[in-house]
Amino acid sequence: MQVGYVGEEQLKLFLPDCIVLIEGRHLRDLRKKLARRMVTFIQQ
């Protein structure tokens, strides 16, 4: 999985079979945790 960071309000997760776009505020902490593989699930 690769994580693309677009400004402060978008994350793109590049998975083997799809791309997941996450939009929201204050995503910096989530991006750091994804990069360190500290996230097991994401809930709205």
PDB file of N, CA and C in Angstrom:
ATOM      1  N   MET A   1       0.843  -1.171   0.000  1.00  0.00           N
ATOM      2  CA  MET A   1       0.000   0.000   0.000  1.00  0.00           C
ATOM      3  C   MET A   1       0.887   1.234   0.000  1.00  0.00           C
ATOM      4  N   GLN A   2       0.526   2.202  -0.811  1.00  0.00           N
ATOM      5  CA  GLN A   2       1.181   3.504  -0.808  1.00  0.00           C
ATOM      6  C   GLN A   2       0.172   4.544  -0.364  1.00  0.00           C
ATOM      7  N   VAL A   3       0.658   5.573   0.309  1.00  0.00           N
ATOM      8  CA  VAL A   3      -0.201   6.654   0.774  1.00  0.00           C
ATOM      9  C   VAL A   3       0.216   7.926   0.066  1.00  0.00           C
ATOM     10  N   GLY A   4      -0.753   8.582  -0.610  1.00  0.00           N
ATOM     11  CA  GLY A   4      -0.515   9.883  -1.216  1.00  0.00           C
ATOM     12  C   GLY A   4      -1.201  10.941  -0.383  1.00  0.00           C
ATOM     13  N   TYR A   5      -0.501  12.023  -0.133  1.00  0.00           N
ATOM     14  CA  TYR A   5      -1.022  13.082   0.727  1.00  0.00           C
ATOM     15  C   TYR A   5      -1.246  14.309  -0.135  1.00  0.00           C
ATOM     16  N   VAL A   6      -2.488  14.776  -0.219  1.00  0.00           N
ATOM     17  CA  VAL A   6      -2.832  15.919  -1.062  1.00  0.00           C
ATOM     18  C   VAL A   6      -3.313  17.042  -0.155  1.00  0.00           C
ATOM     19  N   GLY A   7      -2.430  17.962   0.183  1.00  0.00           N
ATOM     20  CA  GLY A   7      -2.806  19.069   1.055  1.00  0.00           C
ATOM     21  C   GLY A   7      -3.182  18.583   2.440  1.00  0.00           C
ATOM     22  N   GLU A   8      -4.035  19.337   3.097  1.00  0.00           N
ATOM     23  CA  GLU A   8      -4.470  19.005   4.451  1.00  0.00           C
ATOM     24  C   GLU A   8      -5.765  18.207   4.478  1.00  0.00           C
ATOM     25  N   GLU A   9      -6.431  18.071   3.338  1.00  0.00           N
ATOM     26  CA  GLU A   9      -7.795  17.537   3.363  1.00  0.00           C
ATOM     27  C   GLU A   9      -8.022  16.283   2.531  1.00  0.00           C
ATOM     28  N   GLN A  10      -6.973  15.683   1.956  1.00  0.00           N
ATOM     29  CA  GLN A  10      -7.158  14.470   1.164  1.00  0.00           C
ATOM     30  C   GLN A  10      -6.012  13.491   1.368  1.00  0.00           C
ATOM     31  N   LEU A  11      -6.372  12.220   1.474  1.00  0.00           N
ATOM     32  CA  LEU A  11      -5.414  11.117   1.480  1.00  0.00           C
ATOM     33  C   LEU A  11      -5.817  10.169   0.369  1.00  0.00           C
ATOM     34  N   LYS A  12      -4.849   9.633  -0.351  1.00  0.00           N
ATOM     35  CA  LYS A  12      -5.116   8.592  -1.339  1.00  0.00           C
ATOM     36  C   LYS A  12      -4.354   7.349  -0.919  1.00  0.00           C
ATOM     37  N   LEU A  13      -5.082   6.251  -0.793  1.00  0.00           N
ATOM     38  CA  LEU A  13      -4.475   4.964  -0.472  1.00  0.00           C
ATOM     39  C   LEU A  13      -4.440   4.137  -1.748  1.00  0.00           C
ATOM     40  N   PHE A  14      -3.257   3.816  -2.202  1.00  0.00           N
ATOM     41  CA  PHE A  14      -3.079   3.044  -3.428  1.00  0.00           C
ATOM     42  C   PHE A  14      -2.925   1.571  -3.047  1.00  0.00           C
ATOM     43  N   LEU A  15      -3.996   0.823  -3.200  1.00  0.00           N
ATOM     44  CA  LEU A  15      -4.021  -0.600  -2.895  1.00  0.00           C
ATOM     45  C   LEU A  15      -3.798  -1.381  -4.189  1.00  0.00           C
ATOM     46  N   PRO A  16      -3.486  -2.680  -4.091  1.00  0.00           N
ATOM     47  CA  PRO A  16      -3.220  -3.450  -5.314  1.00  0.00           C
ATOM     48  C   PRO A  16      -4.365  -3.462  -6.334  1.00  0.00           C
ATOM     49  N   ASP A  17      -5.611  -3.412  -5.861  1.00  0.00           N
ATOM     50  CA  ASP A  17      -6.732  -3.522  -6.793  1.00  0.00           C
ATOM     51  C   ASP A  17      -7.625  -2.288  -6.859  1.00  0.00           C
ATOM     52  N   CYS A  18      -7.313  -1.228  -6.095  1.00  0.00           N
ATOM     53  CA  CYS A  18      -8.136  -0.022  -6.127  1.00  0.00           C
ATOM     54  C   CYS A  18      -7.402   1.151  -5.487  1.00  0.00           C
ATOM     55  N   ILE A  19      -7.969   2.325  -5.651  1.00  0.00           N
ATOM     56  CA  ILE A  19      -7.467   3.538  -5.003  1.00  0.00           C
ATOM     57  C   ILE A  19      -8.584   4.069  -4.117  1.00  0.00           C
ATOM     58  N   VAL A  20      -8.281   4.319  -2.855  1.00  0.00           N
ATOM     59  CA  VAL A  20      -9.260   4.824  -1.901  1.00  0.00           C
ATOM     60  C   VAL A  20      -8.922   6.283  -1.610  1.00  0.00           C
ATOM     61  N   LEU A  21      -9.897   7.167  -1.800  1.00  0.00           N
ATOM     62  CA  LEU A  21      -9.722   8.589  -1.526  1.00  0.00           C
ATOM     63  C   LEU A  21     -10.440   8.927  -0.223  1.00  0.00           C
ATOM     64  N   ILE A  22      -9.717   9.500   0.722  1.00  0.00           N
ATOM     65  CA  ILE A  22     -10.287   9.905   2.007  1.00  0.00           C
ATOM     66  C   ILE A  22     -10.240  11.421   2.063  1.00  0.00           C
ATOM     67  N   GLU A  23     -11.393  12.026   2.272  1.00  0.00           N
ATOM     68  CA  GLU A  23     -11.469  13.481   2.383  1.00  0.00           C
ATOM     69  C   GLU A  23     -11.914  13.842   3.790  1.00  0.00           C
ATOM     70  N   GLY A  24     -11.309  14.868   4.342  1.00  0.00           N
ATOM     71  CA  GLY A  24     -11.669  15.304   5.686  1.00  0.00           C
ATOM     72  C   GLY A  24     -10.681  16.335   6.184  1.00  0.00           C
ATOM     73  N   ARG A  25     -10.786  16.653   7.450  1.00  0.00           N
ATOM     74  CA  ARG A  25      -9.889  17.627   8.056  1.00  0.00           C
ATOM     75  C   ARG A  25      -8.948  16.928   9.026  1.00  0.00           C
ATOM     76  N   HIS A  26      -7.802  17.534   9.261  1.00  0.00           N
ATOM     77  CA  HIS A  26      -6.837  17.054  10.254  1.00  0.00           C
ATOM     78  C   HIS A  26      -6.398  15.617   9.968  1.00  0.00           C
ATOM     79  N   LEU A  27      -5.992  15.352   8.731  1.00  0.00           N
ATOM     80  CA  LEU A  27      -5.605  14.003   8.334  1.00  0.00           C
ATOM     81  C   LEU A  27      -4.116  13.720   8.530  1.00  0.00           C
ATOM     82  N   ARG A  28      -3.371  14.694   8.996  1.00  0.00           N
ATOM     83  CA  ARG A  28      -1.921  14.519   9.145  1.00  0.00           C
ATOM     84  C   ARG A  28      -1.587  13.354  10.083  1.00  0.00           C
ATOM     85  N   ASP A  29      -2.271  13.255  11.214  1.00  0.00           N
ATOM     86  CA  ASP A  29      -2.007  12.179  12.162  1.00  0.00           C
ATOM     87  C   ASP A  29      -2.337  10.814  11.556  1.00  0.00           C
ATOM     88  N   LEU A  30      -3.444  10.734  10.826  1.00  0.00           N
ATOM     89  CA  LEU A  30      -3.816   9.484  10.161  1.00  0.00           C
ATOM     90  C   LEU A  30      -2.763   9.097   9.133  1.00  0.00           C
ATOM     91  N   ARG A  31      -2.275  10.045   8.369  1.00  0.00           N
ATOM     92  CA  ARG A  31      -1.248   9.761   7.361  1.00  0.00           C
ATOM     93  C   ARG A  31       0.007   9.202   8.011  1.00  0.00           C
ATOM     94  N   LYS A  32       0.437   9.796   9.112  1.00  0.00           N
ATOM     95  CA  LYS A  32       1.632   9.318   9.812  1.00  0.00           C
ATOM     96  C   LYS A  32       1.438   7.895  10.325  1.00  0.00           C
ATOM     97  N   LYS A  33       0.266   7.625  10.881  1.00  0.00           N
ATOM     98  CA  LYS A  33       0.002   6.290  11.403  1.00  0.00           C
ATOM     99  C   LYS A  33      -0.110   5.258  10.289  1.00  0.00           C
ATOM    100  N   LEU A  34      -0.688   5.638   9.154  1.00  0.00           N
ATOM    101  CA  LEU A  34      -0.743   4.728   8.011  1.00  0.00           C
ATOM    102  C   LEU A  34       0.660   4.416   7.516  1.00  0.00           C
ATOM    103  N   ALA A  35       1.504   5.417   7.429  1.00  0.00           N
ATOM    104  CA  ALA A  35       2.867   5.215   6.957  1.00  0.00           C
ATOM    105  C   ALA A  35       3.653   4.292   7.884  1.00  0.00           C
ATOM    106  N   ARG A  36       3.353   4.331   9.179  1.00  0.00           N
ATOM    107  CA  ARG A  36       4.046   3.488  10.165  1.00  0.00           C
ATOM    108  C   ARG A  36       3.352   2.139  10.373  1.00  0.00           C
ATOM    109  N   ARG A  37       2.302   1.900   9.588  1.00  0.00           N
ATOM    110  CA  ARG A  37       1.531   0.661   9.666  1.00  0.00           C
ATOM    111  C   ARG A  37       0.931   0.446  11.055  1.00  0.00           C
ATOM    112  N   MET A  38       0.421   1.531  11.630  1.00  0.00           N
ATOM    113  CA  MET A  38      -0.186   1.471  12.969  1.00  0.00           C
ATOM    114  C   MET A  38      -1.716   1.475  12.908  1.00  0.00           C
ATOM    115  N   VAL A  39      -2.299   1.381  11.721  1.00  0.00           N
ATOM    116  CA  VAL A  39      -3.753   1.466  11.554  1.00  0.00           C
ATOM    117  C   VAL A  39      -4.278   0.089  11.121  1.00  0.00           C
ATOM    118  N   THR A  40      -5.295  -0.396  11.823  1.00  0.00           N
ATOM    119  CA  THR A  40      -5.903  -1.666  11.436  1.00  0.00           C
ATOM    120  C   THR A  40      -7.221  -1.475  10.696  1.00  0.00           C
ATOM    121  N   PHE A  41      -7.912  -0.355  10.963  1.00  0.00           N
ATOM    122  CA  PHE A  41      -9.134  -0.042  10.232  1.00  0.00           C
ATOM    123  C   PHE A  41      -9.397   1.460  10.332  1.00  0.00           C
ATOM    124  N   ILE A  42     -10.215   1.949   9.401  1.00  0.00           N
ATOM    125  CA  ILE A  42     -10.628   3.353   9.395  1.00  0.00           C
ATOM    126  C   ILE A  42     -12.146   3.380   9.421  1.00  0.00           C
ATOM    127  N   GLN A  43     -12.699   4.139  10.344  1.00  0.00           N
ATOM    128  CA  GLN A  43     -14.147   4.234  10.480  1.00  0.00           C
ATOM    129  C   GLN A  43     -14.571   5.688  10.320  1.00  0.00           C
ATOM    130  N   GLN A  44     -15.662   5.909   9.631  1.00  0.00           N
ATOM    131  CA  GLN A  44     -16.174   7.262   9.426  1.00  0.00           C
ATOM    132  C   GLN A  44     -16.722   7.836  10.711  1.00  0.00           C
TER     133      GLN A  44
END
